[in-house]
Amino acid sequence: MPRYLTGGAVALALWTAIGAGELLTGILPALVVLVLAPADYVLWTRRRRPWHDWTVILLLLPAILAAVWIAVGGLVTGVERSDEARLLLEVGPGVALTGLLCTLISYHGRHHPAERR
């Protein structure tokens, strides 16, 4: 599942970086996701896909912050867009990225079923 979540996040971040047209509210935060999501997956696989790996979990937090900023950054900074363009290039991708990355982080944060809590 992480492979597909990471692939979806990368594709959506690439869509945002190409289509946003705004450096601070679209391109840069999308690049953060484009760097951190694949790096997270590579680290997780190199560590033999561990259960509840804090390093892998923490690596995704800035990517989630960037995804949230994609969703709200244009609204906060007053980027001039039509409602349709805002939904297509900011809010939609930002919310979708946040969901994908939060699902990915919850997968990495799971505990082994045999582990006592």
Protein backbone atom coordinates (compact mmCIF):
# COMPACT_ATOMS: atom_id res chain seq x y z
CA MET A 1 0.00 0.00 0.00
CA PRO A 2 2.76 2.58 0.74
CA ARG A 3 4.05 2.25 -2.81
CA TYR A 4 0.68 3.31 -4.23
CA LEU A 5 0.09 6.06 -1.67
CA THR A 6 3.56 7.45 -2.37
CA GLY A 7 3.03 7.22 -6.12
CA GLY A 8 -0.29 9.03 -5.83
CA ALA A 9 1.26 11.75 -3.67
CA VAL A 10 4.15 12.21 -6.10
CA ALA A 11 1.82 12.41 -9.12
CA LEU A 12 -0.45 14.91 -7.41
CA ALA A 13 2.47 17.02 -6.18
CA LEU A 14 3.88 17.05 -9.70
CA TRP A 15 0.47 18.15 -11.03
CA THR A 16 0.45 20.97 -8.47
CA ALA A 17 4.02 22.07 -9.17
CA ILE A 18 3.37 22.23 -12.91
CA GLY A 19 -0.07 23.83 -12.80
CA ALA A 20 0.05 26.12 -9.77
CA GLY A 21 1.91 29.03 -11.29
CA GLU A 22 2.52 30.42 -7.79
CA LEU A 23 5.95 29.91 -6.28
CA LEU A 24 5.20 30.23 -2.55
CA THR A 25 1.77 28.65 -2.41
CA GLY A 26 2.08 25.93 -5.02
CA ILE A 27 5.46 25.17 -6.55
CA LEU A 28 7.67 25.19 -3.42
CA PRO A 29 5.32 23.21 -1.18
CA ALA A 30 4.75 20.72 -4.01
CA LEU A 31 8.51 20.32 -4.33
CA VAL A 32 8.71 19.58 -0.60
CA VAL A 33 6.25 16.73 -1.12
CA LEU A 34 8.07 15.62 -4.29
CA VAL A 35 11.32 15.28 -2.31
CA LEU A 36 10.09 13.96 1.04
CA ALA A 37 7.48 11.39 -0.02
CA PRO A 38 9.84 9.33 -2.21
CA ALA A 39 12.68 9.77 0.30
CA ASP A 40 10.37 8.45 2.99
CA TYR A 41 9.47 5.40 0.92
CA VAL A 42 13.12 4.68 0.09
CA LEU A 43 14.12 4.96 3.75
CA TRP A 44 11.25 2.72 4.82
CA THR A 45 12.15 0.02 2.28
CA ARG A 46 15.89 0.22 3.09
CA ARG A 47 15.01 -0.36 6.74
CA ARG A 48 13.13 -3.49 5.68
CA ARG A 49 9.67 -2.01 6.16
CA PRO A 50 9.62 -1.76 9.94
CA TRP A 51 6.57 -1.34 12.13
CA HIS A 52 6.22 2.02 13.88
CA ASP A 53 9.46 3.67 12.69
CA TRP A 54 9.71 7.18 14.16
CA THR A 55 12.22 8.45 11.61
CA VAL A 56 10.00 7.43 8.72
CA ILE A 57 6.97 8.94 10.46
CA LEU A 58 8.68 12.24 11.26
CA LEU A 59 10.02 12.59 7.71
CA LEU A 60 6.44 12.92 6.45
CA LEU A 61 5.35 15.69 8.83
CA PRO A 62 6.87 18.55 6.78
CA ALA A 63 5.27 17.05 3.66
CA ILE A 64 1.87 17.10 5.39
CA LEU A 65 2.44 20.72 6.40
CA ALA A 66 3.33 21.55 2.77
CA ALA A 67 0.16 19.80 1.56
CA VAL A 68 -1.99 21.81 3.97
CA TRP A 69 -0.25 24.99 2.79
CA ILE A 70 -1.09 24.09 -0.82
CA ALA A 71 -4.76 23.88 0.20
CA VAL A 72 -4.91 27.16 2.14
CA GLY A 73 -1.89 29.19 1.03
CA GLY A 74 -3.61 30.84 -1.93
CA LEU A 75 -6.55 31.81 0.26
CA VAL A 76 -4.33 33.22 3.00
CA THR A 77 -2.10 35.21 0.66
CA GLY A 78 -4.90 36.36 -1.64
CA VAL A 79 -3.79 34.70 -4.86
CA GLU A 80 -6.10 35.87 -7.64
CA ARG A 81 -7.89 32.87 -9.13
CA SER A 82 -11.36 31.92 -10.18
CA ASP A 83 -13.24 29.57 -7.86
CA GLU A 84 -12.80 26.76 -10.35
CA ALA A 85 -9.04 27.32 -10.67
CA ARG A 86 -8.66 27.52 -6.88
CA LEU A 87 -10.40 24.15 -6.48
CA LEU A 88 -8.44 22.55 -9.33
CA LEU A 89 -4.96 23.91 -8.49
CA GLU A 90 -4.99 24.58 -4.74
CA VAL A 91 -7.75 23.28 -2.50
CA GLY A 92 -8.39 19.97 -4.26
CA PRO A 93 -4.76 18.89 -4.60
CA GLY A 94 -3.88 20.17 -1.13
CA VAL A 95 -6.68 18.26 0.55
CA ALA A 96 -5.98 15.13 -1.50
CA LEU A 97 -2.25 15.29 -0.70
CA THR A 98 -3.01 15.77 2.98
CA GLY A 99 -5.24 12.69 2.93
CA LEU A 100 -2.73 10.54 1.05
CA LEU A 101 0.15 11.54 3.30
CA CYS A 102 -1.86 11.13 6.52
CA THR A 103 -2.89 7.65 5.39
CA LEU A 104 0.74 6.87 4.59
CA ILE A 105 1.95 8.12 7.96
CA SER A 106 -0.70 6.05 9.75
CA TYR A 107 0.48 2.98 7.86
CA HIS A 108 4.08 3.61 8.97
CA GLY A 109 2.91 4.22 12.52
CA ARG A 110 1.07 0.96 12.96
CA HIS A 111 2.17 -1.43 15.68
CA HIS A 112 2.89 -5.10 15.13
CA PRO A 113 -0.14 -7.20 16.14
CA ALA A 114 2.00 -9.29 18.52
CA GLU A 115 3.42 -6.20 20.22
CA ARG A 116 2.18 -5.42 23.70
CA ARG A 117 1.09 -1.86 24.39
